[in-house]
Amino acid sequence: MHLIYIYKRHGTGGIRRAEAAGHPVMSAGFTLVEVLMAMIILGVALLAMANMQIMSMRGNRHAMKATEKTTLAQTRVDAIMALPYDDPSLAETVPGAPHSLASISLPAGIAAITWAVDADPSGGQQNSKLITILIRPEDGVALSMTTLKTQAGE
């Protein structure tokens, strides 16, 4: 059975279908099943997007903490590099007993800042110190930064 539609213009400017030659007009619109399927697909898509947003926020928080630790370590490196070569803070340390910052208040989330000094890093090269700075935050993910300080003029 072929359906033939004739469209007529109505006074409101809209176009409506009319019966032609005794053929019935098909009703337009969506079925309930189509609407439900569309809602289910939309719901699944929104849940996936919400999960993606949560993961993105976690990643941003982790990146922010890593940036704060790196900045703090770099600030400490700069402060150590500004010290004179024979400063007591740059005295050689024994393993397990590094220098620490006990006299300053640490930023929130940072448990400890320590640094170890090896006065003979390459076995015979004098006038240089290998300094390893360790930032230990409360979340347990530590950051280590190493620098070499040499005595100027020698």
C-alpha atoms as a PDB file:
ATOM      1  CA  MET A   1       0.000   0.000   0.000  1.00  0.00           C
ATOM      2  CA  HIS A   2       1.480   3.317  -1.030  1.00  0.00           C
ATOM      3  CA  LEU A   3       0.714   6.382   0.991  1.00  0.00           C
ATOM      4  CA  ILE A   4       0.356   9.650  -0.805  1.00  0.00           C
ATOM      5  CA  TYR A   5       0.574  12.852   1.167  1.00  0.00           C
ATOM      6  CA  ILE A   6      -0.644  16.230   0.100  1.00  0.00           C
ATOM      7  CA  TYR A   7       0.647  19.155   2.120  1.00  0.00           C
ATOM      8  CA  LYS A   8      -1.568  22.181   2.608  1.00  0.00           C
ATOM      9  CA  ARG A   9      -0.578  25.527   3.955  1.00  0.00           C
ATOM     10  CA  HIS A  10      -2.698  26.757   6.842  1.00  0.00           C
ATOM     11  CA  GLY A  11      -3.357  30.284   7.971  1.00  0.00           C
ATOM     12  CA  THR A  12      -0.764  30.154  10.767  1.00  0.00           C
ATOM     13  CA  GLY A  13       2.012  29.534   8.288  1.00  0.00           C
ATOM     14  CA  GLY A  14       2.395  25.883   9.226  1.00  0.00           C
ATOM     15  CA  ILE A  15       2.183  23.020   6.802  1.00  0.00           C
ATOM     16  CA  ARG A  16      -0.036  20.022   7.576  1.00  0.00           C
ATOM     17  CA  ARG A  17      -0.488  16.700   5.917  1.00  0.00           C
ATOM     18  CA  ALA A  18      -3.866  15.937   4.499  1.00  0.00           C
ATOM     19  CA  GLU A  19      -5.389  12.766   3.181  1.00  0.00           C
ATOM     20  CA  ALA A  20      -5.184  12.290  -0.552  1.00  0.00           C
ATOM     21  CA  ALA A  21      -7.419  10.052  -2.550  1.00  0.00           C
ATOM     22  CA  GLY A  22      -8.830   8.295   0.480  1.00  0.00           C
ATOM     23  CA  HIS A  23      -5.458   7.308   1.958  1.00  0.00           C
ATOM     24  CA  PRO A  24      -5.127   7.696   5.763  1.00  0.00           C
ATOM     25  CA  VAL A  25      -2.728  10.209   7.240  1.00  0.00           C
ATOM     26  CA  MET A  26       0.130   8.617   9.253  1.00  0.00           C
ATOM     27  CA  SER A  27       0.540  10.066  12.724  1.00  0.00           C
ATOM     28  CA  ALA A  28       3.827  11.869  13.212  1.00  0.00           C
ATOM     29  CA  GLY A  29       6.048  11.677  16.302  1.00  0.00           C
ATOM     30  CA  PHE A  30       8.105   9.202  18.299  1.00  0.00           C
ATOM     31  CA  THR A  31       6.937   6.029  19.976  1.00  0.00           C
ATOM     32  CA  LEU A  32       7.380   5.464  23.680  1.00  0.00           C
ATOM     33  CA  VAL A  33      10.040   2.831  23.017  1.00  0.00           C
ATOM     34  CA  GLU A  34      12.051   5.275  20.896  1.00  0.00           C
ATOM     35  CA  VAL A  35      11.863   7.938  23.591  1.00  0.00           C
ATOM     36  CA  LEU A  36      12.943   5.462  26.303  1.00  0.00           C
ATOM     37  CA  MET A  37      15.883   4.218  24.212  1.00  0.00           C
ATOM     38  CA  ALA A  38      16.996   7.798  23.567  1.00  0.00           C
ATOM     39  CA  MET A  39      16.793   8.550  27.296  1.00  0.00           C
ATOM     40  CA  ILE A  40      18.822   5.440  28.153  1.00  0.00           C
ATOM     41  CA  ILE A  41      21.519   6.329  25.618  1.00  0.00           C
ATOM     42  CA  LEU A  42      21.623   9.907  26.883  1.00  0.00           C
ATOM     43  CA  GLY A  43      21.830   8.695  30.506  1.00  0.00           C
ATOM     44  CA  VAL A  44      24.742   6.356  29.765  1.00  0.00           C
ATOM     45  CA  ALA A  45      26.552   9.134  27.906  1.00  0.00           C
ATOM     46  CA  LEU A  46      26.052  11.561  30.806  1.00  0.00           C
ATOM     47  CA  LEU A  47      27.328   9.008  33.336  1.00  0.00           C
ATOM     48  CA  ALA A  48      30.425   8.423  31.223  1.00  0.00           C
ATOM     49  CA  MET A  49      31.026  12.163  31.010  1.00  0.00           C
ATOM     50  CA  ALA A  50      30.574  12.550  34.774  1.00  0.00           C
ATOM     51  CA  ASN A  51      33.115   9.779  35.405  1.00  0.00           C
ATOM     52  CA  MET A  52      35.530  11.415  32.974  1.00  0.00           C
ATOM     53  CA  GLN A  53      35.121  14.729  34.824  1.00  0.00           C
ATOM     54  CA  ILE A  54      35.857  13.086  38.180  1.00  0.00           C
ATOM     55  CA  MET A  55      38.994  11.425  36.801  1.00  0.00           C
ATOM     56  CA  SER A  56      40.094  14.746  35.321  1.00  0.00           C
ATOM     57  CA  MET A  57      39.669  16.475  38.674  1.00  0.00           C
ATOM     58  CA  ARG A  58      41.741  13.778  40.402  1.00  0.00           C
ATOM     59  CA  GLY A  59      44.460  14.145  37.790  1.00  0.00           C
ATOM     60  CA  ASN A  60      44.505  17.917  38.228  1.00  0.00           C
ATOM     61  CA  ARG A  61      44.779  17.569  42.012  1.00  0.00           C
ATOM     62  CA  HIS A  62      47.684  15.128  41.628  1.00  0.00           C
ATOM     63  CA  ALA A  63      49.420  17.464  39.166  1.00  0.00           C
ATOM     64  CA  MET A  64      48.943  20.411  41.516  1.00  0.00           C
ATOM     65  CA  LYS A  65      50.527  18.495  44.414  1.00  0.00           C
ATOM     66  CA  ALA A  66      53.445  17.436  42.207  1.00  0.00           C
ATOM     67  CA  THR A  67      53.959  21.043  41.114  1.00  0.00           C
ATOM     68  CA  GLU A  68      53.924  22.248  44.730  1.00  0.00           C
ATOM     69  CA  LYS A  69      56.505  19.619  45.740  1.00  0.00           C
ATOM     70  CA  THR A  70      58.733  20.458  42.773  1.00  0.00           C
ATOM     71  CA  THR A  71      58.517  24.180  43.502  1.00  0.00           C
ATOM     72  CA  LEU A  72      59.335  23.591  47.162  1.00  0.00           C
ATOM     73  CA  ALA A  73      62.317  21.402  46.252  1.00  0.00           C
ATOM     74  CA  GLN A  74      63.583  23.936  43.706  1.00  0.00           C
ATOM     75  CA  THR A  75      63.257  26.708  46.294  1.00  0.00           C
ATOM     76  CA  ARG A  76      65.349  24.613  48.698  1.00  0.00           C
ATOM     77  CA  VAL A  77      67.935  23.935  45.955  1.00  0.00           C
ATOM     78  CA  ASP A  78      68.195  27.660  45.297  1.00  0.00           C
ATOM     79  CA  ALA A  79      68.631  28.373  49.018  1.00  0.00           C
ATOM     80  CA  ILE A  80      71.343  25.704  49.329  1.00  0.00           C
ATOM     81  CA  MET A  81      73.167  26.908  46.227  1.00  0.00           C
ATOM     82  CA  ALA A  82      73.216  30.421  47.731  1.00  0.00           C
ATOM     83  CA  LEU A  83      75.009  29.155  50.871  1.00  0.00           C
ATOM     84  CA  PRO A  84      78.785  29.378  51.104  1.00  0.00           C
ATOM     85  CA  TYR A  85      80.591  26.123  50.272  1.00  0.00           C
ATOM     86  CA  ASP A  86      81.751  25.630  53.879  1.00  0.00           C
ATOM     87  CA  ASP A  87      78.383  26.419  55.510  1.00  0.00           C
ATOM     88  CA  PRO A  88      77.449  23.990  58.336  1.00  0.00           C
ATOM     89  CA  SER A  89      74.218  23.174  56.493  1.00  0.00           C
ATOM     90  CA  LEU A  90      76.377  21.695  53.743  1.00  0.00           C
ATOM     91  CA  ALA A  91      78.505  19.519  56.016  1.00  0.00           C
ATOM     92  CA  GLU A  92      78.772  15.948  54.820  1.00  0.00           C
ATOM     93  CA  THR A  93      76.087  13.684  56.201  1.00  0.00           C
ATOM     94  CA  VAL A  94      76.207  10.033  57.104  1.00  0.00           C
ATOM     95  CA  PRO A  95      73.649   7.710  55.515  1.00  0.00           C
ATOM     96  CA  GLY A  96      70.391   7.765  57.450  1.00  0.00           C
ATOM     97  CA  ALA A  97      71.102  11.095  59.163  1.00  0.00           C
ATOM     98  CA  PRO A  98      70.366  13.881  56.663  1.00  0.00           C
ATOM     99  CA  HIS A  99      70.000  17.574  57.399  1.00  0.00           C
ATOM    100  CA  SER A 100      66.411  18.719  57.937  1.00  0.00           C
ATOM    101  CA  LEU A 101      64.315  21.847  58.206  1.00  0.00           C
ATOM    102  CA  ALA A 102      63.034  21.635  61.749  1.00  0.00           C
ATOM    103  CA  SER A 103      62.988  25.367  62.426  1.00  0.00           C
ATOM    104  CA  ILE A 104      60.576  26.464  59.688  1.00  0.00           C
ATOM    105  CA  SER A 105      56.908  25.746  59.254  1.00  0.00           C
ATOM    106  CA  LEU A 106      56.210  23.486  56.311  1.00  0.00           C
ATOM    107  CA  PRO A 107      53.343  23.944  53.856  1.00  0.00           C
ATOM    108  CA  ALA A 108      50.210  21.905  54.448  1.00  0.00           C
ATOM    109  CA  GLY A 109      50.590  18.332  53.287  1.00  0.00           C
ATOM    110  CA  ILE A 110      54.418  18.271  53.548  1.00  0.00           C
ATOM    111  CA  ALA A 111      55.738  16.061  56.337  1.00  0.00           C
ATOM    112  CA  ALA A 112      59.488  16.650  55.992  1.00  0.00           C
ATOM    113  CA  ILE A 113      62.205  18.266  53.894  1.00  0.00           C
ATOM    114  CA  THR A 114      65.636  16.694  54.252  1.00  0.00           C
ATOM    115  CA  TRP A 115      68.879  16.828  52.305  1.00  0.00           C
ATOM    116  CA  ALA A 116      71.954  14.656  52.280  1.00  0.00           C
ATOM    117  CA  VAL A 117      75.423  15.878  51.334  1.00  0.00           C
ATOM    118  CA  ASP A 118      78.158  13.731  49.797  1.00  0.00           C
ATOM    119  CA  ALA A 119      81.428  15.702  49.910  1.00  0.00           C
ATOM    120  CA  ASP A 120      83.251  13.322  47.548  1.00  0.00           C
ATOM    121  CA  PRO A 121      80.641  12.386  44.935  1.00  0.00           C
ATOM    122  CA  SER A 122      82.947  10.965  42.280  1.00  0.00           C
ATOM    123  CA  GLY A 123      85.631   9.400  44.447  1.00  0.00           C
ATOM    124  CA  GLY A 124      88.513  11.820  44.314  1.00  0.00           C
ATOM    125  CA  GLN A 125      87.010  14.981  42.879  1.00  0.00           C
ATOM    126  CA  GLN A 126      87.587  17.567  45.548  1.00  0.00           C
ATOM    127  CA  ASN A 127      85.775  20.870  46.034  1.00  0.00           C
ATOM    128  CA  SER A 128      82.391  19.510  45.038  1.00  0.00           C
ATOM    129  CA  LYS A 129      79.388  18.309  46.994  1.00  0.00           C
ATOM    130  CA  LEU A 130      76.492  16.238  45.729  1.00  0.00           C
ATOM    131  CA  ILE A 131      73.314  17.399  47.456  1.00  0.00           C
ATOM    132  CA  THR A 132      70.147  15.309  47.352  1.00  0.00           C
ATOM    133  CA  ILE A 133      66.970  16.997  48.577  1.00  0.00           C
ATOM    134  CA  LEU A 134      64.013  14.845  49.573  1.00  0.00           C
ATOM    135  CA  ILE A 135      60.476  16.181  49.991  1.00  0.00           C
ATOM    136  CA  ARG A 136      58.272  13.757  51.925  1.00  0.00           C
ATOM    137  CA  PRO A 137      54.616  14.712  51.842  1.00  0.00           C
ATOM    138  CA  GLU A 138      51.963  13.250  54.077  1.00  0.00           C
ATOM    139  CA  ASP A 139      50.390  11.411  51.111  1.00  0.00           C
ATOM    140  CA  GLY A 140      53.484   9.213  50.849  1.00  0.00           C
ATOM    141  CA  VAL A 141      54.640  10.132  47.303  1.00  0.00           C
ATOM    142  CA  ALA A 142      58.136  11.541  47.807  1.00  0.00           C
ATOM    143  CA  LEU A 143      60.092  13.797  45.451  1.00  0.00           C
ATOM    144  CA  SER A 144      63.873  13.762  45.215  1.00  0.00           C
ATOM    145  CA  MET A 145      66.055  16.405  43.542  1.00  0.00           C
ATOM    146  CA  THR A 146      69.844  16.282  43.205  1.00  0.00           C
ATOM    147  CA  THR A 147      72.300  19.084  42.516  1.00  0.00           C
ATOM    148  CA  LEU A 148      76.081  19.496  42.503  1.00  0.00           C
ATOM    149  CA  LYS A 149      77.711  22.380  44.357  1.00  0.00           C
ATOM    150  CA  THR A 150      81.301  23.268  43.654  1.00  0.00           C
ATOM    151  CA  GLN A 151      83.629  25.578  45.500  1.00  0.00           C
ATOM    152  CA  ALA A 152      84.157  28.733  43.450  1.00  0.00           C
ATOM    153  CA  GLY A 153      87.690  29.768  42.545  1.00  0.00           C
ATOM    154  CA  GLU A 154      89.301  26.363  42.884  1.00  0.00           C
END
